Amino acid sequence: MRAPGVRECAPEPYMGLCSSMAERLGIRDGGIVTLVGDAGVRLLRAKLLASLPDEMAVIPAGLSGLEGLGAPFYARLIPRRDADG
């Protein structure tokens, strides 16, 4: 996303999670998760999405801060256990 006006209107990068995965990992809506994969490490805010099937997570394409992730990719998801997680 290169156009400044469009970038300002776009949501911050996030990871959408189904409720079953979030519950199993102890992740709250709005908490911070660490995504570790081939493209490096990213800190993303969790967004619980009731529409996702069990054990599924998604990352929207094209948001600023998510460059280089590619699709599909495999990564480890680590819940943060601090005040934000």
Protein backbone atom coordinates (compact mmCIF):
# COMPACT_ATOMS: atom_id res chain seq x y z
CA MET A 1 0.00 0.00 0.00
CA ARG A 2 1.95 2.97 -1.26
CA ALA A 3 -0.59 5.80 -1.45
CA PRO A 4 -0.46 7.73 1.85
CA GLY A 5 -4.21 8.48 1.85
CA VAL A 6 -5.14 4.83 1.38
CA ARG A 7 -2.56 3.67 3.94
CA GLU A 8 -3.99 6.06 6.57
CA CYS A 9 -7.47 4.56 6.13
CA ALA A 10 -6.34 0.93 6.24
CA PRO A 11 -6.58 -1.06 9.47
CA GLU A 12 -3.42 -1.95 11.36
CA PRO A 13 -2.06 -5.41 10.50
CA TYR A 14 -3.79 -8.19 12.43
CA MET A 15 -4.19 -11.93 12.60
CA GLY A 16 -7.73 -13.25 12.49
CA LEU A 17 -8.28 -16.32 14.68
CA CYS A 18 -11.15 -18.73 15.17
CA SER A 19 -12.47 -18.85 18.73
CA SER A 20 -11.36 -22.47 19.33
CA MET A 21 -7.71 -21.70 18.52
CA ALA A 22 -7.75 -18.48 20.53
CA GLU A 23 -9.20 -20.30 23.55
CA ARG A 24 -6.72 -23.18 23.30
CA LEU A 25 -3.77 -20.77 23.10
CA GLY A 26 -5.10 -18.30 25.68
CA ILE A 27 -5.33 -15.42 23.21
CA ARG A 28 -7.81 -12.62 23.85
CA ASP A 29 -9.43 -10.46 21.22
CA GLY A 30 -7.10 -7.48 20.75
CA GLY A 31 -4.16 -9.24 22.42
CA ILE A 32 -0.72 -9.36 20.82
CA VAL A 33 0.58 -12.55 19.20
CA THR A 34 4.06 -13.23 17.88
CA LEU A 35 4.17 -14.84 14.45
CA VAL A 36 7.46 -16.64 13.73
CA GLY A 37 8.09 -17.98 10.23
CA ASP A 38 10.40 -18.00 7.23
CA ALA A 39 9.64 -14.32 6.59
CA GLY A 40 10.82 -13.36 10.07
CA VAL A 41 9.02 -12.33 13.24
CA ARG A 42 5.93 -10.13 13.32
CA LEU A 43 3.92 -8.85 16.30
CA LEU A 44 0.26 -8.72 15.35
CA ARG A 45 -2.93 -7.84 17.15
CA ALA A 46 -5.36 -10.77 17.42
CA LYS A 47 -8.87 -10.37 16.07
CA LEU A 48 -11.35 -13.14 16.89
CA LEU A 49 -13.50 -13.92 13.87
CA ALA A 50 -16.60 -16.03 14.48
CA SER A 51 -16.85 -16.78 10.74
CA LEU A 52 -13.61 -18.82 10.67
CA PRO A 53 -13.72 -22.62 10.86
CA ASP A 54 -12.08 -24.42 13.80
CA GLU A 55 -8.29 -24.28 14.03
CA MET A 56 -7.93 -21.62 11.35
CA ALA A 57 -6.03 -18.33 11.36
CA VAL A 58 -5.86 -15.70 8.61
CA ILE A 59 -3.81 -12.63 7.80
CA PRO A 60 -5.26 -10.08 5.38
CA ALA A 61 -3.17 -9.52 2.26
CA GLY A 62 -1.93 -6.08 1.29
CA LEU A 63 -1.85 -4.36 4.68
CA SER A 64 1.17 -2.23 5.51
CA GLY A 65 3.58 -4.11 7.78
CA LEU A 66 2.81 -7.54 6.31
CA GLU A 67 5.09 -7.26 3.29
CA GLY A 68 7.15 -10.34 2.50
CA LEU A 69 4.88 -12.89 4.15
CA GLY A 70 3.65 -14.41 0.89
CA ALA A 71 0.97 -17.07 0.79
CA PRO A 72 0.58 -19.74 1.79
CA PHE A 73 3.14 -19.85 4.57
CA TYR A 74 3.69 -21.82 7.72
CA ALA A 75 4.59 -20.19 11.00
CA ARG A 76 4.52 -20.68 14.74
CA LEU A 77 2.05 -18.55 16.68
CA ILE A 78 3.14 -17.53 20.18
CA PRO A 79 0.67 -15.76 22.50
CA ARG A 80 2.13 -12.85 24.46
CA ARG A 81 1.71 -13.19 28.22
CA ASP A 82 2.22 -9.54 29.11
CA ALA A 83 -0.36 -6.84 29.79
CA ASP A 84 -1.35 -6.62 26.11
CA GLY A 85 -1.60 -10.36 25.42
